[in-house]
Protein backbone atom coordinates (compact mmCIF):
# COMPACT_ATOMS: atom_id res chain seq x y z
CA MET A 1 115.65 56.30 62.35
CA GLU A 2 118.64 56.89 60.11
CA LEU A 3 121.86 55.15 61.08
CA HIS A 4 124.99 56.62 61.05
CA LYS A 5 128.52 55.05 61.21
CA LEU A 6 131.11 55.39 63.86
CA ASN A 7 134.69 55.81 62.51
CA LEU A 8 137.61 54.92 64.86
CA LEU A 9 141.29 55.51 64.02
CA PHE A 10 144.47 55.10 66.16
CA ILE A 11 147.11 57.60 65.43
CA ILE A 12 150.66 58.11 66.84
CA SER A 13 152.18 61.35 67.59
CA ARG A 14 155.67 61.09 66.17
CA SER A 15 156.60 64.81 67.33
CA ARG A 16 155.86 64.01 70.89
CA THR A 17 158.10 60.86 71.59
CA ASN A 18 159.54 60.52 75.23
CA LYS A 19 163.06 60.11 76.30
CA GLN A 20 162.89 56.42 75.36
CA GLY A 21 162.05 57.40 71.80
CA LEU A 22 158.32 56.07 72.19
CA ALA A 23 155.38 57.80 70.71
CA PRO A 24 151.93 58.07 72.48
CA ILE A 25 149.11 56.27 70.67
CA THR A 26 145.89 58.42 70.50
CA CYS A 27 142.46 57.15 69.74
CA ARG A 28 140.31 59.44 67.51
CA ILE A 29 136.55 58.66 66.99
CA THR A 30 134.26 60.63 64.52
CA TYR A 31 130.49 60.44 64.59
CA LEU A 32 128.26 62.99 62.67
CA LYS A 33 131.38 64.79 61.39
CA ALA A 34 132.39 65.66 65.05
CA ARG A 35 135.61 64.31 66.48
CA LYS A 36 136.89 63.28 69.84
CA GLU A 37 140.39 62.34 70.58
CA PHE A 38 141.75 60.63 73.80
CA SER A 39 145.03 58.93 74.97
CA THR A 40 145.03 55.21 75.04
CA GLY A 41 147.80 55.23 77.58
CA LEU A 42 150.09 53.20 75.22
CA PHE A 43 153.32 54.10 73.61
CA ILE A 44 155.24 52.51 70.75
CA LYS A 45 158.37 52.79 68.77
CA PRO A 46 157.29 55.00 65.76
CA GLU A 47 158.77 52.66 63.10
CA HIS A 48 156.79 49.71 64.71
CA TRP A 49 153.40 51.22 63.73
CA GLN A 50 151.71 50.12 60.70
CA ASN A 51 149.10 53.03 60.09
CA THR A 52 147.22 51.20 57.19
CA LYS A 53 146.76 47.98 59.15
CA GLN A 54 146.18 49.94 62.63
CA LYS A 55 148.58 47.56 64.45
CA ALA A 56 152.00 47.32 65.62
CA HIS A 57 154.65 45.24 63.96
CA PRO A 58 156.68 42.93 64.08
CA PRO A 59 155.27 40.44 66.46
CA ASN A 60 157.05 40.40 69.72
CA GLU A 61 155.86 40.69 73.30
CA LYS A 62 155.31 44.50 73.69
CA ASN A 63 153.70 44.82 70.19
CA ASN A 64 151.52 41.92 70.77
CA PHE A 65 150.29 43.54 74.08
CA ILE A 66 149.72 46.81 72.35
CA ASN A 67 147.71 45.08 69.57
CA THR A 68 145.47 43.35 72.33
CA GLN A 69 144.81 46.60 74.13
CA LEU A 70 143.93 48.46 71.06
CA SER A 71 141.57 45.63 70.03
CA LEU A 72 139.97 45.90 73.49
CA ILE A 73 139.65 49.71 73.04
CA GLN A 74 137.87 49.10 69.62
CA ASN A 75 135.45 46.48 70.88
CA LYS A 76 134.62 48.47 74.09
CA MET A 77 133.81 51.63 71.95
CA ASN A 78 131.80 49.59 69.48
CA GLN A 79 129.67 48.14 72.36
CA ALA A 80 129.27 51.74 73.80
CA PHE A 81 128.06 52.96 70.37
CA LEU A 82 125.76 49.88 69.89
CA PHE A 83 124.24 50.61 73.39
CA LEU A 84 123.43 54.21 72.61
CA GLN A 85 121.88 53.09 69.19
CA LEU A 86 119.50 50.65 70.94
CA GLN A 87 118.22 53.53 73.05
CA GLN A 88 116.79 55.10 70.13
CA ASN A 89 117.54 58.64 71.39
CA LYS A 90 119.73 61.21 69.81
CA PHE A 91 123.30 61.31 70.85
CA ASN A 92 126.56 62.82 70.02
CA VAL A 93 130.33 61.89 69.92
CA GLU A 94 130.93 63.12 73.44
CA ALA A 95 128.02 60.71 74.76
CA ILE A 96 129.64 57.84 72.98
CA TYR A 97 132.97 58.58 74.70
CA LYS A 98 131.21 58.87 78.11
CA GLN A 99 129.37 55.54 77.67
CA TYR A 100 132.77 54.08 76.60
CA LEU A 101 134.27 55.36 79.89
CA GLY A 102 131.22 53.77 81.63
CA GLU A 103 129.84 57.28 82.86
CA THR A 104 126.07 57.15 83.37
CA GLN A 105 124.22 59.23 80.83
CA ASN A 106 122.08 61.86 82.26
CA LYS A 107 118.44 61.24 82.60
CA ASP A 108 116.28 63.13 80.18
CA LYS A 109 114.67 66.07 82.12
CA SER A 110 111.00 66.63 81.80
CA LEU A 111 109.39 69.91 81.04
CA LEU A 112 108.01 70.36 84.67
CA GLU A 113 111.36 69.42 86.11
CA ALA A 114 112.70 72.34 84.24
CA PHE A 115 110.10 74.63 85.49
CA HIS A 116 110.62 73.53 89.10
CA TYR A 117 114.23 74.04 88.69
CA HIS A 118 113.69 77.68 87.41
CA ASN A 119 111.08 78.42 90.06
CA SER A 120 113.01 77.02 92.98
CA LYS A 121 115.99 79.46 91.88
CA MET A 122 113.53 82.17 91.64
CA GLU A 123 112.31 81.51 95.20
CA LYS A 124 115.78 82.39 96.64
CA LEU A 125 115.74 85.62 94.55
CA VAL A 126 112.53 87.12 96.02
CA GLY A 127 113.53 90.47 97.78
CA ILE A 128 116.88 90.43 96.13
CA GLU A 129 116.17 90.67 92.43
CA ILE A 130 112.41 90.05 92.05
CA SER A 131 109.19 90.42 93.92
CA GLU A 132 106.95 87.93 95.37
CA ASN A 133 104.32 88.95 92.53
CA THR A 134 106.92 87.93 89.95
CA LEU A 135 107.44 84.53 91.56
CA LYS A 136 103.56 84.22 91.70
CA LYS A 137 103.37 84.74 88.04
CA TYR A 138 105.81 82.22 87.18
CA ARG A 139 103.99 79.64 89.31
CA GLN A 140 100.71 80.55 87.39
CA THR A 141 102.75 79.99 84.14
CA LEU A 142 103.63 76.50 85.33
CA ASN A 143 99.96 75.78 86.14
CA HIS A 144 98.83 77.06 82.56
CA VAL A 145 101.53 74.84 81.00
CA LYS A 146 100.41 71.66 83.12
CA ALA A 147 96.83 72.40 82.27
CA PHE A 148 97.77 72.54 78.57
CA ILE A 149 99.79 69.21 78.63
CA TRP A 150 97.01 67.44 80.06
CA PHE A 151 94.43 69.16 77.77
CA LYS A 152 96.72 68.37 74.64
CA PHE A 153 98.34 64.90 75.46
CA LYS A 154 96.11 63.68 78.42
CA ARG A 155 99.51 63.39 80.33
CA LYS A 156 100.85 64.97 83.39
CA ASP A 157 104.27 65.78 81.81
CA ILE A 158 106.43 65.73 78.74
CA LEU A 159 110.09 65.23 78.17
CA LEU A 160 112.04 68.26 77.20
CA LYS A 161 113.54 66.49 74.22
CA ASP A 162 109.97 66.07 72.83
CA LEU A 163 109.51 69.80 72.93
CA LYS A 164 108.95 71.14 69.32
CA PHE A 165 107.96 74.43 67.88
CA SER A 166 104.31 72.99 67.44
CA PHE A 167 104.08 72.99 71.18
CA ILE A 168 104.71 76.51 71.40
CA THR A 169 102.15 77.56 68.79
CA ASP A 170 99.63 75.08 70.24
CA LEU A 171 99.97 76.48 73.62
CA GLU A 172 99.46 79.93 72.38
CA PHE A 173 96.26 78.93 70.57
CA TYR A 174 95.02 77.18 73.75
CA LEU A 175 95.55 80.25 75.89
CA LYS A 176 93.65 82.30 73.31
CA THR A 177 90.65 79.88 72.68
CA GLU A 178 90.31 77.63 75.78
CA ARG A 179 91.53 80.06 78.61
CA LYS A 180 90.17 83.15 76.77
CA PHE A 181 93.31 85.10 77.47
CA PHE A 182 93.64 88.77 76.25
CA PRO A 183 96.63 89.19 73.78
CA ASN A 184 98.70 90.97 76.62
CA THR A 185 98.13 88.07 78.92
CA TYR A 186 98.89 85.21 76.72
CA LEU A 187 102.12 86.99 75.52
CA LYS A 188 103.29 87.51 78.97
CA THR A 189 102.77 83.87 79.64
CA THR A 190 104.56 82.64 76.64
CA GLN A 191 107.64 85.09 77.62
CA ARG A 192 107.76 83.65 81.03
CA PHE A 193 107.76 80.06 79.35
CA ARG A 194 110.47 81.15 77.10
CA ARG A 195 112.61 82.42 80.05
CA VAL A 196 112.35 78.95 81.59
CA ILE A 197 113.35 77.17 78.44
CA ARG A 198 116.36 79.19 78.21
CA VAL A 199 117.40 78.40 81.71
CA ALA A 200 116.68 74.69 80.67
CA ILE A 201 119.16 75.13 77.61
CA ALA A 202 121.80 76.83 79.67
CA GLN A 203 121.73 74.00 82.07
CA ASP A 204 122.23 71.59 79.10
CA TYR A 205 118.76 69.92 79.77
CA LEU A 206 117.88 70.81 76.11
CA ASP A 207 120.06 70.92 72.92
CA LYS A 208 117.77 72.94 70.61
CA ASP A 209 115.67 75.95 71.38
CA PRO A 210 111.99 75.23 70.56
CA PHE A 211 111.24 79.07 70.39
CA MET A 212 114.09 79.72 67.74
CA LEU A 213 111.27 80.11 64.96
CA TYR A 214 108.57 81.73 67.32
CA LYS A 215 107.83 85.32 66.71
CA PRO A 216 104.93 86.50 68.84
CA GLN A 217 102.52 88.96 67.28
CA ARG A 218 103.12 92.28 69.20
CA ILE A 219 99.79 93.80 69.93
CA LYS A 220 100.08 97.55 70.06
CA LYS A 221 98.01 98.58 73.08
CA GLU A 222 96.01 101.84 73.09
CA ILE A 223 97.71 103.89 76.18
CA VAL A 224 95.13 104.82 78.61
CA TYR A 225 96.05 108.08 80.59
CA LEU A 226 94.30 111.14 82.03
CA THR A 227 94.69 114.32 79.83
CA SER A 228 95.45 117.55 81.69
CA GLU A 229 91.81 118.51 81.32
CA GLU A 230 90.59 115.28 83.16
CA LEU A 231 93.29 115.39 85.71
CA SER A 232 92.19 118.98 86.57
CA LYS A 233 88.40 117.96 86.66
CA LEU A 234 89.38 115.12 88.93
CA GLU A 235 91.63 117.30 91.33
CA ASN A 236 88.87 119.90 91.60
CA TYR A 237 85.93 117.74 92.33
CA ASP A 238 84.35 117.91 95.77
CA PHE A 239 83.38 114.44 97.13
CA TYR A 240 81.08 113.96 99.98
CA GLN A 241 82.27 110.58 100.92
CA ASN A 242 85.53 110.37 102.71
CA ARG A 243 86.41 107.03 101.21
CA LEU A 244 86.20 108.21 97.64
CA GLU A 245 88.11 111.66 98.37
CA LYS A 246 90.93 109.40 100.06
CA ILE A 247 91.23 107.41 96.92
CA ARG A 248 91.22 110.14 94.72
CA ASP A 249 93.99 111.94 96.71
CA LEU A 250 96.03 108.90 96.61
CA PHE A 251 95.46 108.28 92.94
CA ILE A 252 96.42 112.09 92.09
CA LEU A 253 99.41 111.71 94.30
CA CYS A 254 100.52 108.79 92.17
CA CYS A 255 99.90 110.85 88.83
CA TYR A 256 102.30 113.35 90.02
CA THR A 257 104.89 110.87 91.39
CA GLY A 258 104.46 107.68 89.13
CA LEU A 259 104.40 105.49 92.24
CA ALA A 260 103.48 102.04 91.50
CA PHE A 261 100.80 100.42 93.83
CA ASN A 262 103.53 98.55 95.95
CA GLU A 263 105.76 101.49 96.43
CA MET A 264 102.67 103.77 97.23
CA SER A 265 101.70 101.27 99.86
CA LEU A 266 105.24 101.14 101.33
CA LEU A 267 106.00 104.73 101.34
CA GLU A 268 107.51 105.93 104.57
CA GLN A 269 108.94 109.34 105.99
CA LYS A 270 112.61 107.84 105.61
CA HIS A 271 111.97 107.74 101.84
CA ILE A 272 111.37 111.53 101.68
CA ILE A 273 114.70 113.31 101.45
CA THR A 274 116.04 116.86 101.03
CA ASN A 275 118.10 116.94 97.90
CA PHE A 276 121.24 118.99 97.55
CA ASP A 277 119.09 121.55 95.59
CA GLY A 278 116.98 122.01 98.58
CA ASN A 279 113.99 120.37 97.03
CA LYS A 280 112.29 117.29 98.53
CA TRP A 281 112.48 113.86 96.62
CA ILE A 282 111.38 110.27 97.08
CA LYS A 283 114.11 107.90 97.32
CA MET A 284 113.25 104.19 97.48
CA THR A 285 113.93 100.82 95.79
CA ARG A 286 111.19 99.66 93.46
CA GLN A 287 110.05 96.20 94.31
CA LYS A 288 109.51 94.86 90.89
CA THR A 289 113.04 95.70 89.39
CA SER A 290 115.08 96.23 92.48
CA LYS A 291 115.90 99.55 90.75
CA GLU A 292 116.35 102.66 92.81
CA LEU A 293 113.69 105.36 92.36
CA SER A 294 114.61 109.08 92.71
CA ILE A 295 111.37 111.23 92.09
CA PRO A 296 111.27 114.96 92.65
CA LEU A 297 108.19 115.75 94.72
CA LEU A 298 106.34 118.54 92.54
CA PRO A 299 104.27 121.11 94.69
CA LYS A 300 101.01 119.30 94.12
CA ALA A 301 102.52 115.91 95.26
CA LEU A 302 104.00 117.68 98.44
CA HIS A 303 100.60 119.41 99.24
CA LEU A 304 98.75 115.97 98.78
CA LEU A 305 101.26 114.26 101.06
CA GLU A 306 100.65 116.86 103.87
CA LYS A 307 96.93 116.62 103.48
CA ILE A 308 97.03 112.94 103.50
CA SER A 309 99.47 112.71 106.73
CA LEU A 310 97.04 115.32 108.57
CA THR A 311 93.88 113.59 107.56
CA TYR A 312 94.77 110.02 108.19
CA PRO A 313 96.87 108.35 111.08
CA GLN A 314 100.02 106.56 110.16
CA ARG A 315 100.10 102.77 110.32
CA ASN A 316 103.46 100.95 110.92
CA ASN A 317 105.38 104.00 109.84
CA LYS A 318 103.75 103.89 106.49
CA LEU A 319 102.71 107.58 105.32
CA LEU A 320 99.59 106.36 103.24
CA PRO A 321 96.47 104.73 104.20
CA LYS A 322 96.28 100.89 103.80
CA ILE A 323 94.02 99.53 100.95
CA SER A 324 93.99 96.44 98.65
CA ASN A 325 94.69 97.00 94.92
CA GLN A 326 91.27 95.32 94.15
CA LYS A 327 89.22 97.78 96.43
CA PHE A 328 91.29 100.71 95.19
CA ASN A 329 90.55 100.02 91.69
CA SER A 330 86.92 99.32 92.47
CA TYR A 331 86.69 102.64 94.17
CA LEU A 332 88.38 104.53 91.06
CA LYS A 333 85.61 103.09 88.75
CA GLU A 334 82.92 104.57 91.12
CA ILE A 335 84.98 107.97 90.98
CA ALA A 336 85.18 107.99 87.17
CA PHE A 337 81.54 107.61 86.92
CA ILE A 338 80.78 110.45 89.52
CA VAL A 339 83.14 112.81 88.07
CA GLY A 340 82.25 112.06 84.35
CA ILE A 341 85.60 110.50 83.07
CA ASN A 342 84.74 108.04 80.31
CA LYS A 343 87.75 105.80 81.12
CA VAL A 344 88.11 102.61 83.12
CA LEU A 345 90.27 103.97 85.88
CA THR A 346 92.90 101.69 87.49
CA HIS A 347 95.82 102.52 89.71
CA HIS A 348 98.29 101.85 86.84
CA ILE A 349 96.61 104.59 84.83
CA ALA A 350 98.28 107.05 87.23
CA ARG A 351 101.71 105.99 86.23
CA LYS A 352 100.71 106.31 82.76
CA THR A 353 99.38 109.70 83.36
CA PHE A 354 102.69 110.65 85.21
CA ALA A 355 104.79 109.47 82.12
CA THR A 356 102.61 110.95 79.50
CA THR A 357 100.70 114.22 80.88
CA ILE A 358 103.18 115.23 83.24
CA LEU A 359 106.33 114.45 81.75
CA LEU A 360 106.41 113.81 78.01
CA PHE A 361 103.81 116.59 77.34
CA ASN A 362 106.22 118.84 79.14
CA ASP A 363 109.18 117.74 76.98
CA VAL A 364 110.88 115.77 79.54
CA PRO A 365 113.25 113.42 77.49
CA MET A 366 112.17 109.60 77.45
CA GLU A 367 115.40 108.46 79.09
CA ILE A 368 114.57 110.59 82.19
CA VAL A 369 111.12 109.38 82.08
CA SER A 370 112.39 105.89 82.27
CA GLU A 371 114.61 106.56 85.17
CA LEU A 372 111.72 108.29 87.15
CA LEU A 373 109.43 105.24 86.53
CA GLY A 374 112.05 102.84 87.56
CA HIS A 375 112.02 100.82 84.46
CA SER A 376 114.64 98.33 83.74
CA LYS A 377 114.53 98.92 79.75
CA ILE A 378 113.66 102.07 77.94
CA SER A 379 111.30 99.87 75.69
CA MET A 380 109.08 99.43 78.65
CA THR A 381 108.79 103.32 79.02
CA GLN A 382 107.84 103.45 75.30
CA GLU A 383 104.74 101.17 75.91
CA HIS A 384 103.67 103.75 78.36
């Protein structure tokens, strides 16, 4: 460990003499080219101060007292500096001053402590700024990082100050090779981890950002959506099973509204409003982003809403039948096989179809598409 010197200098402020003609004595400490000045609480006649010798002169009762106090300050400061050196941790001039004052240094935070701090704050934002699902993903990220720490170091936790750039790259490699994560999954995991670290830096738990040199490889995903021909084929197919017809209708409804699965499940009559232009719109708040959605109901969407409301009884004021996301996607795969659509259908493809086939192919500007999808950033829309 390289040793650096602490410089201490007493200076008097001749321009700030009081009514008695006494100037205040200030102590200046310099460490690693950084300075800290503080008042000693002592005053002296300017002509009695010997700057080169750093002492009061000539000897008399008052000057002897000043010299004794300055000597005590210097000794106490050197003791504080020596104490911090023995800890073999990095410290700065502010830490030396705090140690001199007798203030307890903050205990080094661990990585998992930073995670728990972040997630506890997120818990309080559920339903205000974030959804329960977002919180769940941060908890999953915590579990992935815990598993990696044990895999790599055979430890349950590490200190934040020991977090290096290599930790980030090794974590990414672990997620790819040991956990077999797809590119989008490990990228999202490291993005959430990065947010936790940024919060830790904002709380002064960490001085340097280990992500500073990290540049994730952006994987350009192929956007899967239904073409207008495939959409028409799906709309016009006659199903003999009610369960498949129901899922098809819900899926097509989302193709014409862009509703995410959560919003589809929560849709109520109160969300259907008549706008100033006399047309019906969906107005509700998107759970994921807390952004207000305003979606015009196209004729086909209106027809499907009427058909579904007449066919299936409402439950708890909800307009649409209840079904889990997992079962919904399972039925969609069955539907794609029956209809002859050679794509792995999921509910999310309905949103992509709305963005691409319904809007962009009809020359709706990207900014409007972003608003209709309830995206917080236009870059998210561009990925659709």
